[in-house]
Amino acid sequence: MKRYHVCVRGDVQQVGFRWYARRTAEETGVCGWVRNLADGSVEITAEGKEADLEMFLQKLNSGYLGKNISEISKSDQSYTGEFNSFTIVL
């Protein structure tokens, strides 16, 4: 099991991206959260099987909002198993 901290940059606020990320996480079996940041980017903490996490990121980047994304950066973190769903943090 893995945990990623992800930052998504581009035109990703006020376009439904957090809801798209939640739906995509549910489809791929990923748990964690997503929130908007003041600088216009979106922050994600995601946990799950490595293959599921990679599929999640691939779908985010190539989905209907993919054209709005200019960069997705990720860093590994220690897996905690603290999540049982994927939520939108306000």
PDB file of N, CA and C in Angstrom:
ATOM      1  N   MET A   1       0.850  -1.180   0.000  1.00  0.00           N
ATOM      2  CA  MET A   1       0.000   0.000   0.000  1.00  0.00           C
ATOM      3  C   MET A   1       0.894   1.241   0.000  1.00  0.00           C
ATOM      4  N   LYS A   2       0.393   2.289  -0.661  1.00  0.00           N
ATOM      5  CA  LYS A   2       1.166   3.523  -0.826  1.00  0.00           C
ATOM      6  C   LYS A   2       0.309   4.728  -0.445  1.00  0.00           C
ATOM      7  N   ARG A   3       1.006   5.835  -0.245  1.00  0.00           N
ATOM      8  CA  ARG A   3       0.348   7.112   0.000  1.00  0.00           C
ATOM      9  C   ARG A   3       1.085   8.162  -0.819  1.00  0.00           C
ATOM     10  N   TYR A   4       0.317   8.964  -1.558  1.00  0.00           N
ATOM     11  CA  TYR A   4       0.883  10.053  -2.354  1.00  0.00           C
ATOM     12  C   TYR A   4       0.326  11.388  -1.878  1.00  0.00           C
ATOM     13  N   HIS A   5       1.192  12.382  -1.893  1.00  0.00           N
ATOM     14  CA  HIS A   5       0.758  13.771  -1.764  1.00  0.00           C
ATOM     15  C   HIS A   5       0.879  14.342  -3.172  1.00  0.00           C
ATOM     16  N   VAL A   6      -0.217  14.909  -3.676  1.00  0.00           N
ATOM     17  CA  VAL A   6      -0.294  15.326  -5.078  1.00  0.00           C
ATOM     18  C   VAL A   6      -0.684  16.800  -5.153  1.00  0.00           C
ATOM     19  N   CYS A   7      -0.038  17.525  -6.052  1.00  0.00           N
ATOM     20  CA  CYS A   7      -0.424  18.907  -6.340  1.00  0.00           C
ATOM     21  C   CYS A   7      -0.760  18.997  -7.831  1.00  0.00           C
ATOM     22  N   VAL A   8      -1.948  19.500  -8.123  1.00  0.00           N
ATOM     23  CA  VAL A   8      -2.405  19.626  -9.501  1.00  0.00           C
ATOM     24  C   VAL A   8      -2.493  21.112  -9.833  1.00  0.00           C
ATOM     25  N   ARG A   9      -1.804  21.513 -10.900  1.00  0.00           N
ATOM     26  CA  ARG A   9      -1.794  22.921 -11.307  1.00  0.00           C
ATOM     27  C   ARG A   9      -2.427  23.069 -12.688  1.00  0.00           C
ATOM     28  N   GLY A  10      -2.967  24.245 -12.916  1.00  0.00           N
ATOM     29  CA  GLY A  10      -3.627  24.557 -14.183  1.00  0.00           C
ATOM     30  C   GLY A  10      -4.955  25.211 -13.888  1.00  0.00           C
ATOM     31  N   ASP A  11      -5.882  25.113 -14.820  1.00  0.00           N
ATOM     32  CA  ASP A  11      -7.232  25.647 -14.617  1.00  0.00           C
ATOM     33  C   ASP A  11      -8.064  24.559 -13.955  1.00  0.00           C
ATOM     34  N   VAL A  12      -7.872  24.383 -12.646  1.00  0.00           N
ATOM     35  CA  VAL A  12      -8.480  23.266 -11.934  1.00  0.00           C
ATOM     36  C   VAL A  12      -9.413  23.704 -10.807  1.00  0.00           C
ATOM     37  N   GLN A  13      -9.671  24.992 -10.692  1.00  0.00           N
ATOM     38  CA  GLN A  13     -10.637  25.452  -9.705  1.00  0.00           C
ATOM     39  C   GLN A  13     -11.836  26.062 -10.426  1.00  0.00           C
ATOM     40  N   GLN A  14     -12.996  25.889  -9.827  1.00  0.00           N
ATOM     41  CA  GLN A  14     -14.275  26.371 -10.365  1.00  0.00           C
ATOM     42  C   GLN A  14     -14.652  25.687 -11.679  1.00  0.00           C
ATOM     43  N   VAL A  15     -14.189  24.447 -11.847  1.00  0.00           N
ATOM     44  CA  VAL A  15     -14.538  23.655 -13.030  1.00  0.00           C
ATOM     45  C   VAL A  15     -15.026  22.263 -12.647  1.00  0.00           C
ATOM     46  N   GLY A  16     -15.257  22.016 -11.355  1.00  0.00           N
ATOM     47  CA  GLY A  16     -15.725  20.718 -10.898  1.00  0.00           C
ATOM     48  C   GLY A  16     -14.625  19.698 -10.699  1.00  0.00           C
ATOM     49  N   PHE A  17     -13.378  20.135 -10.613  1.00  0.00           N
ATOM     50  CA  PHE A  17     -12.262  19.194 -10.534  1.00  0.00           C
ATOM     51  C   PHE A  17     -12.283  18.360  -9.252  1.00  0.00           C
ATOM     52  N   ARG A  18     -12.606  18.961  -8.111  1.00  0.00           N
ATOM     53  CA  ARG A  18     -12.617  18.187  -6.859  1.00  0.00           C
ATOM     54  C   ARG A  18     -13.654  17.072  -6.920  1.00  0.00           C
ATOM     55  N   TRP A  19     -14.811  17.352  -7.494  1.00  0.00           N
ATOM     56  CA  TRP A  19     -15.854  16.324  -7.624  1.00  0.00           C
ATOM     57  C   TRP A  19     -15.419  15.245  -8.613  1.00  0.00           C
ATOM     58  N   TYR A  20     -14.750  15.658  -9.673  1.00  0.00           N
ATOM     59  CA  TYR A  20     -14.211  14.697 -10.634  1.00  0.00           C
ATOM     60  C   TYR A  20     -13.152  13.824  -9.961  1.00  0.00           C
ATOM     61  N   ALA A  21     -12.285  14.434  -9.145  1.00  0.00           N
ATOM     62  CA  ALA A  21     -11.258  13.668  -8.436  1.00  0.00           C
ATOM     63  C   ALA A  21     -11.898  12.665  -7.480  1.00  0.00           C
ATOM     64  N   ARG A  22     -12.945  13.078  -6.774  1.00  0.00           N
ATOM     65  CA  ARG A  22     -13.608  12.157  -5.848  1.00  0.00           C
ATOM     66  C   ARG A  22     -14.227  10.982  -6.606  1.00  0.00           C
ATOM     67  N   ARG A  23     -14.928  11.259  -7.680  1.00  0.00           N
ATOM     68  CA  ARG A  23     -15.543  10.187  -8.465  1.00  0.00           C
ATOM     69  C   ARG A  23     -14.476   9.246  -9.032  1.00  0.00           C
ATOM     70  N   THR A  24     -13.391   9.806  -9.514  1.00  0.00           N
ATOM     71  CA  THR A  24     -12.307   8.997 -10.068  1.00  0.00           C
ATOM     72  C   THR A  24     -11.661   8.146  -8.975  1.00  0.00           C
ATOM     73  N   ALA A  25     -11.498   8.707  -7.792  1.00  0.00           N
ATOM     74  CA  ALA A  25     -10.945   7.943  -6.669  1.00  0.00           C
ATOM     75  C   ALA A  25     -11.850   6.768  -6.321  1.00  0.00           C
ATOM     76  N   GLU A  26     -13.143   7.023  -6.288  1.00  0.00           N
ATOM     77  CA  GLU A  26     -14.095   5.949  -5.978  1.00  0.00           C
ATOM     78  C   GLU A  26     -14.047   4.856  -7.039  1.00  0.00           C
ATOM     79  N   GLU A  27     -13.906   5.238  -8.302  1.00  0.00           N
ATOM     80  CA  GLU A  27     -13.840   4.267  -9.400  1.00  0.00           C
ATOM     81  C   GLU A  27     -12.574   3.420  -9.350  1.00  0.00           C
ATOM     82  N   THR A  28     -11.488   3.988  -8.831  1.00  0.00           N
ATOM     83  CA  THR A  28     -10.204   3.293  -8.828  1.00  0.00           C
ATOM     84  C   THR A  28      -9.850   2.689  -7.466  1.00  0.00           C
ATOM     85  N   GLY A  29     -10.706   2.853  -6.473  1.00  0.00           N
ATOM     86  CA  GLY A  29     -10.462   2.265  -5.162  1.00  0.00           C
ATOM     87  C   GLY A  29      -9.460   3.018  -4.311  1.00  0.00           C
ATOM     88  N   VAL A  30      -9.315   4.318  -4.575  1.00  0.00           N
ATOM     89  CA  VAL A  30      -8.372   5.164  -3.840  1.00  0.00           C
ATOM     90  C   VAL A  30      -9.112   5.901  -2.730  1.00  0.00           C
ATOM     91  N   CYS A  31      -8.473   6.029  -1.578  1.00  0.00           N
ATOM     92  CA  CYS A  31      -9.038   6.765  -0.441  1.00  0.00           C
ATOM     93  C   CYS A  31      -8.180   7.999  -0.157  1.00  0.00           C
ATOM     94  N   GLY A  32      -8.770   9.001   0.525  1.00  0.00           N
ATOM     95  CA  GLY A  32      -8.022  10.197   0.889  1.00  0.00           C
ATOM     96  C   GLY A  32      -8.894  11.422   0.822  1.00  0.00           C
ATOM     97  N   TRP A  33      -8.312  12.528   0.352  1.00  0.00           N
ATOM     98  CA  TRP A  33      -9.057  13.781   0.265  1.00  0.00           C
ATOM     99  C   TRP A  33      -8.481  14.688  -0.818  1.00  0.00           C
ATOM    100  N   VAL A  34      -9.286  15.707  -1.176  1.00  0.00           N
ATOM    101  CA  VAL A  34      -8.893  16.705  -2.163  1.00  0.00           C
ATOM    102  C   VAL A  34      -9.373  18.068  -1.680  1.00  0.00           C
ATOM    103  N   ARG A  35      -8.583  19.112  -1.930  1.00  0.00           N
ATOM    104  CA  ARG A  35      -9.003  20.467  -1.567  1.00  0.00           C
ATOM    105  C   ARG A  35      -8.338  21.497  -2.471  1.00  0.00           C
ATOM    106  N   ASN A  36      -9.011  22.640  -2.613  1.00  0.00           N
ATOM    107  CA  ASN A  36      -8.456  23.779  -3.333  1.00  0.00           C
ATOM    108  C   ASN A  36      -7.451  24.498  -2.444  1.00  0.00           C
ATOM    109  N   LEU A  37      -6.418  25.056  -3.060  1.00  0.00           N
ATOM    110  CA  LEU A  37      -5.453  25.883  -2.356  1.00  0.00           C
ATOM    111  C   LEU A  37      -5.581  27.329  -2.825  1.00  0.00           C
ATOM    112  N   ALA A  38      -5.131  28.240  -2.006  1.00  0.00           N
ATOM    113  CA  ALA A  38      -5.265  29.673  -2.290  1.00  0.00           C
ATOM    114  C   ALA A  38      -4.530  30.094  -3.562  1.00  0.00           C
ATOM    115  N   ASP A  39      -3.493  29.356  -3.959  1.00  0.00           N
ATOM    116  CA  ASP A  39      -2.722  29.734  -5.151  1.00  0.00           C
ATOM    117  C   ASP A  39      -3.364  29.266  -6.456  1.00  0.00           C
ATOM    118  N   GLY A  40      -4.556  28.652  -6.372  1.00  0.00           N
ATOM    119  CA  GLY A  40      -5.262  28.195  -7.572  1.00  0.00           C
ATOM    120  C   GLY A  40      -5.018  26.740  -7.914  1.00  0.00           C
ATOM    121  N   SER A  41      -4.151  26.077  -7.174  1.00  0.00           N
ATOM    122  CA  SER A  41      -3.895  24.666  -7.411  1.00  0.00           C
ATOM    123  C   SER A  41      -4.821  23.811  -6.549  1.00  0.00           C
ATOM    124  N   VAL A  42      -4.756  22.512  -6.741  1.00  0.00           N
ATOM    125  CA  VAL A  42      -5.547  21.562  -5.968  1.00  0.00           C
ATOM    126  C   VAL A  42      -4.591  20.574  -5.312  1.00  0.00           C
ATOM    127  N   GLU A  43      -4.811  20.308  -4.041  1.00  0.00           N
ATOM    128  CA  GLU A  43      -3.988  19.387  -3.261  1.00  0.00           C
ATOM    129  C   GLU A  43      -4.763  18.100  -3.015  1.00  0.00           C
ATOM    130  N   ILE A  44      -4.078  16.981  -3.139  1.00  0.00           N
ATOM    131  CA  ILE A  44      -4.691  15.665  -2.924  1.00  0.00           C
ATOM    132  C   ILE A  44      -3.773  14.835  -2.043  1.00  0.00           C
ATOM    133  N   THR A  45      -4.343  14.168  -1.067  1.00  0.00           N
ATOM    134  CA  THR A  45      -3.672  13.101  -0.344  1.00  0.00           C
ATOM    135  C   THR A  45      -4.429  11.830  -0.674  1.00  0.00           C
ATOM    136  N   ALA A  46      -3.721  10.836  -1.205  1.00  0.00           N
ATOM    137  CA  ALA A  46      -4.382   9.622  -1.691  1.00  0.00           C
ATOM    138  C   ALA A  46      -3.633   8.391  -1.210  1.00  0.00           C
ATOM    139  N   GLU A  47      -4.404   7.384  -0.802  1.00  0.00           N
ATOM    140  CA  GLU A  47      -3.834   6.118  -0.359  1.00  0.00           C
ATOM    141  C   GLU A  47      -4.504   4.963  -1.088  1.00  0.00           C
ATOM    142  N   GLY A  48      -3.740   3.897  -1.280  1.00  0.00           N
ATOM    143  CA  GLY A  48      -4.272   2.692  -1.896  1.00  0.00           C
ATOM    144  C   GLY A  48      -3.155   1.844  -2.458  1.00  0.00           C
ATOM    145  N   LYS A  49      -3.527   0.867  -3.244  1.00  0.00           N
ATOM    146  CA  LYS A  49      -2.540   0.041  -3.937  1.00  0.00           C
ATOM    147  C   LYS A  49      -1.838   0.904  -4.969  1.00  0.00           C
ATOM    148  N   GLU A  50      -0.561   0.661  -5.161  1.00  0.00           N
ATOM    149  CA  GLU A  50       0.210   1.494  -6.078  1.00  0.00           C
ATOM    150  C   GLU A  50      -0.406   1.526  -7.480  1.00  0.00           C
ATOM    151  N   ALA A  51      -0.848   0.389  -7.989  1.00  0.00           N
ATOM    152  CA  ALA A  51      -1.452   0.343  -9.327  1.00  0.00           C
ATOM    153  C   ALA A  51      -2.727   1.177  -9.376  1.00  0.00           C
ATOM    154  N   ASP A  52      -3.519   1.145  -8.299  1.00  0.00           N
ATOM    155  CA  ASP A  52      -4.750   1.942  -8.246  1.00  0.00           C
ATOM    156  C   ASP A  52      -4.431   3.430  -8.196  1.00  0.00           C
ATOM    157  N   LEU A  53      -3.406   3.804  -7.435  1.00  0.00           N
ATOM    158  CA  LEU A  53      -3.001   5.210  -7.362  1.00  0.00           C
ATOM    159  C   LEU A  53      -2.520   5.710  -8.716  1.00  0.00           C
ATOM    160  N   GLU A  54      -1.743   4.905  -9.405  1.00  0.00           N
ATOM    161  CA  GLU A  54      -1.249   5.312 -10.723  1.00  0.00           C
ATOM    162  C   GLU A  54      -2.397   5.446 -11.725  1.00  0.00           C
ATOM    163  N   MET A  55      -3.373   4.532 -11.652  1.00  0.00           N
ATOM    164  CA  MET A  55      -4.546   4.631 -12.521  1.00  0.00           C
ATOM    165  C   MET A  55      -5.341   5.899 -12.193  1.00  0.00           C
ATOM    166  N   PHE A  56      -5.488   6.203 -10.919  1.00  0.00           N
ATOM    167  CA  PHE A  56      -6.164   7.416 -10.475  1.00  0.00           C
ATOM    168  C   PHE A  56      -5.505   8.655 -11.086  1.00  0.00           C
ATOM    169  N   LEU A  57      -4.185   8.748 -10.970  1.00  0.00           N
ATOM    170  CA  LEU A  57      -3.474   9.903 -11.522  1.00  0.00           C
ATOM    171  C   LEU A  57      -3.575   9.952 -13.039  1.00  0.00           C
ATOM    172  N   GLN A  58      -3.492   8.807 -13.679  1.00  0.00           N
ATOM    173  CA  GLN A  58      -3.615   8.760 -15.142  1.00  0.00           C
ATOM    174  C   GLN A  58      -4.991   9.253 -15.581  1.00  0.00           C
ATOM    175  N   LYS A  59      -6.033   8.791 -14.888  1.00  0.00           N
ATOM    176  CA  LYS A  59      -7.386   9.217 -15.248  1.00  0.00           C
ATOM    177  C   LYS A  59      -7.589  10.710 -14.987  1.00  0.00           C
ATOM    178  N   LEU A  60      -7.014  11.222 -13.903  1.00  0.00           N
ATOM    179  CA  LEU A  60      -7.121  12.661 -13.649  1.00  0.00           C
ATOM    180  C   LEU A  60      -6.496  13.449 -14.797  1.00  0.00           C
ATOM    181  N   ASN A  61      -5.351  12.992 -15.249  1.00  0.00           N
ATOM    182  CA  ASN A  61      -4.601  13.722 -16.266  1.00  0.00           C
ATOM    183  C   ASN A  61      -5.187  13.575 -17.666  1.00  0.00           C
ATOM    184  N   SER A  62      -5.924  12.494 -17.913  1.00  0.00           N
ATOM    185  CA  SER A  62      -6.433  12.276 -19.271  1.00  0.00           C
ATOM    186  C   SER A  62      -7.949  12.380 -19.366  1.00  0.00           C
ATOM    187  N   GLY A  63      -8.609  12.593 -18.239  1.00  0.00           N
ATOM    188  CA  GLY A  63     -10.067  12.681 -18.229  1.00  0.00           C
ATOM    189  C   GLY A  63     -10.565  13.950 -18.892  1.00  0.00           C
ATOM    190  N   TYR A  64     -11.843  14.209 -18.738  1.00  0.00           N
ATOM    191  CA  TYR A  64     -12.426  15.366 -19.413  1.00  0.00           C
ATOM    192  C   TYR A  64     -11.819  16.677 -18.958  1.00  0.00           C
ATOM    193  N   LEU A  65     -11.172  16.696 -17.805  1.00  0.00           N
ATOM    194  CA  LEU A  65     -10.502  17.909 -17.340  1.00  0.00           C
ATOM    195  C   LEU A  65      -9.014  17.910 -17.658  1.00  0.00           C
ATOM    196  N   GLY A  66      -8.522  16.845 -18.230  1.00  0.00           N
ATOM    197  CA  GLY A  66      -7.099  16.734 -18.491  1.00  0.00           C
ATOM    198  C   GLY A  66      -6.524  17.903 -19.267  1.00  0.00           C
ATOM    199  N   LYS A  67      -7.316  18.460 -20.160  1.00  0.00           N
ATOM    200  CA  LYS A  67      -6.815  19.587 -20.954  1.00  0.00           C
ATOM    201  C   LYS A  67      -6.588  20.822 -20.104  1.00  0.00           C
ATOM    202  N   ASN A  68      -7.179  20.876 -18.902  1.00  0.00           N
ATOM    203  CA  ASN A  68      -7.012  22.021 -18.015  1.00  0.00           C
ATOM    204  C   ASN A  68      -5.774  21.901 -17.138  1.00  0.00           C
ATOM    205  N   ILE A  69      -5.180  20.727 -17.069  1.00  0.00           N
ATOM    206  CA  ILE A  69      -4.068  20.476 -16.164  1.00  0.00           C
ATOM    207  C   ILE A  69      -2.753  20.818 -16.843  1.00  0.00           C
ATOM    208  N   SER A  70      -1.943  21.643 -16.174  1.00  0.00           N
ATOM    209  CA  SER A  70      -0.624  21.958 -16.715  1.00  0.00           C
ATOM    210  C   SER A  70       0.465  21.117 -16.046  1.00  0.00           C
ATOM    211  N   GLU A  71       0.215  20.641 -14.810  1.00  0.00           N
ATOM    212  CA  GLU A  71       1.218  19.846 -14.106  1.00  0.00           C
ATOM    213  C   GLU A  71       0.574  19.050 -12.980  1.00  0.00           C
ATOM    214  N   ILE A  72       1.009  17.812 -12.838  1.00  0.00           N
ATOM    215  CA  ILE A  72       0.678  17.007 -11.665  1.00  0.00           C
ATOM    216  C   ILE A  72       1.992  16.565 -11.052  1.00  0.00           C
ATOM    217  N   SER A  73       2.222  16.978  -9.812  1.00  0.00           N
ATOM    218  CA  SER A  73       3.423  16.527  -9.111  1.00  0.00           C
ATOM    219  C   SER A  73       3.001  15.654  -7.946  1.00  0.00           C
ATOM    220  N   LYS A  74       3.805  14.638  -7.667  1.00  0.00           N
ATOM    221  CA  LYS A  74       3.476  13.736  -6.569  1.00  0.00           C
ATOM    222  C   LYS A  74       4.720  13.442  -5.763  1.00  0.00           C
ATOM    223  N   SER A  75       4.503  13.183  -4.483  1.00  0.00           N
ATOM    224  CA  SER A  75       5.589  12.729  -3.627  1.00  0.00           C
ATOM    225  C   SER A  75       5.056  11.594  -2.762  1.00  0.00           C
ATOM    226  N   ASP A  76       5.919  10.637  -2.492  1.00  0.00           N
ATOM    227  CA  ASP A  76       5.553   9.522  -1.628  1.00  0.00           C
ATOM    228  C   ASP A  76       5.524   9.982  -0.177  1.00  0.00           C
ATOM    229  N   GLN A  77       4.567   9.458   0.560  1.00  0.00           N
ATOM    230  CA  GLN A  77       4.502   9.652   2.003  1.00  0.00           C
ATOM    231  C   GLN A  77       4.322   8.284   2.635  1.00  0.00           C
ATOM    232  N   SER A  78       4.453   8.233   3.943  1.00  0.00           N
ATOM    233  CA  SER A  78       4.251   6.970   4.651  1.00  0.00           C
ATOM    234  C   SER A  78       2.772   6.625   4.667  1.00  0.00           C
ATOM    235  N   TYR A  79       2.462   5.396   4.275  1.00  0.00           N
ATOM    236  CA  TYR A  79       1.080   4.917   4.288  1.00  0.00           C
ATOM    237  C   TYR A  79       0.590   4.834   5.728  1.00  0.00           C
ATOM    238  N   THR A  80      -0.647   5.314   5.957  1.00  0.00           N
ATOM    239  CA  THR A  80      -1.202   5.294   7.309  1.00  0.00           C
ATOM    240  C   THR A  80      -2.447   4.423   7.433  1.00  0.00           C
ATOM    241  N   GLY A  81      -3.185   4.247   6.338  1.00  0.00           N
ATOM    242  CA  GLY A  81      -4.423   3.485   6.388  1.00  0.00           C
ATOM    243  C   GLY A  81      -5.543   4.210   7.118  1.00  0.00           C
ATOM    244  N   GLU A  82      -5.410   5.526   7.281  1.00  0.00           N
ATOM    245  CA  GLU A  82      -6.388   6.296   8.064  1.00  0.00           C
ATOM    246  C   GLU A  82      -7.691   6.587   7.327  1.00  0.00           C
ATOM    247  N   PHE A  83      -7.734   6.378   6.021  1.00  0.00           N
ATOM    248  CA  PHE A  83      -8.917   6.737   5.245  1.00  0.00           C
ATOM    249  C   PHE A  83      -9.723   5.494   4.859  1.00  0.00           C
ATOM    250  N   ASN A  84     -11.041   5.649   4.835  1.00  0.00           N
ATOM    251  CA  ASN A  84     -11.902   4.569   4.346  1.00  0.00           C
ATOM    252  C   ASN A  84     -12.780   5.055   3.198  1.00  0.00           C
ATOM    253  N   SER A  85     -12.552   6.298   2.765  1.00  0.00           N
ATOM    254  CA  SER A  85     -13.292   6.874   1.633  1.00  0.00           C
ATOM    255  C   SER A  85     -12.467   8.028   1.082  1.00  0.00           C
ATOM    256  N   PHE A  86     -12.998   8.693   0.068  1.00  0.00           N
ATOM    257  CA  PHE A  86     -12.340   9.858  -0.522  1.00  0.00           C
ATOM    258  C   PHE A  86     -13.275  11.044  -0.370  1.00  0.00           C
ATOM    259  N   THR A  87     -12.804  12.107   0.271  1.00  0.00           N
ATOM    260  CA  THR A  87     -13.657  13.242   0.581  1.00  0.00           C
ATOM    261  C   THR A  87     -13.129  14.543  -0.026  1.00  0.00           C
ATOM    262  N   ILE A  88     -14.047  15.478  -0.154  1.00  0.00           N
ATOM    263  CA  ILE A  88     -13.706  16.836  -0.564  1.00  0.00           C
ATOM    264  C   ILE A  88     -13.604  17.666   0.704  1.00  0.00           C
ATOM    265  N   VAL A  89     -12.451  18.295   0.902  1.00  0.00           N
ATOM    266  CA  VAL A  89     -12.233  19.148   2.060  1.00  0.00           C
ATOM    267  C   VAL A  89     -12.477  20.586   1.625  1.00  0.00           C
ATOM    268  N   LEU A  90     -13.291  21.275   2.379  1.00  0.00           N
ATOM    269  CA  LEU A  90     -13.599  22.676   2.034  1.00  0.00           C
ATOM    270  C   LEU A  90     -12.687  23.636   2.763  1.00  0.00           C
TER     271      LEU A  90
END
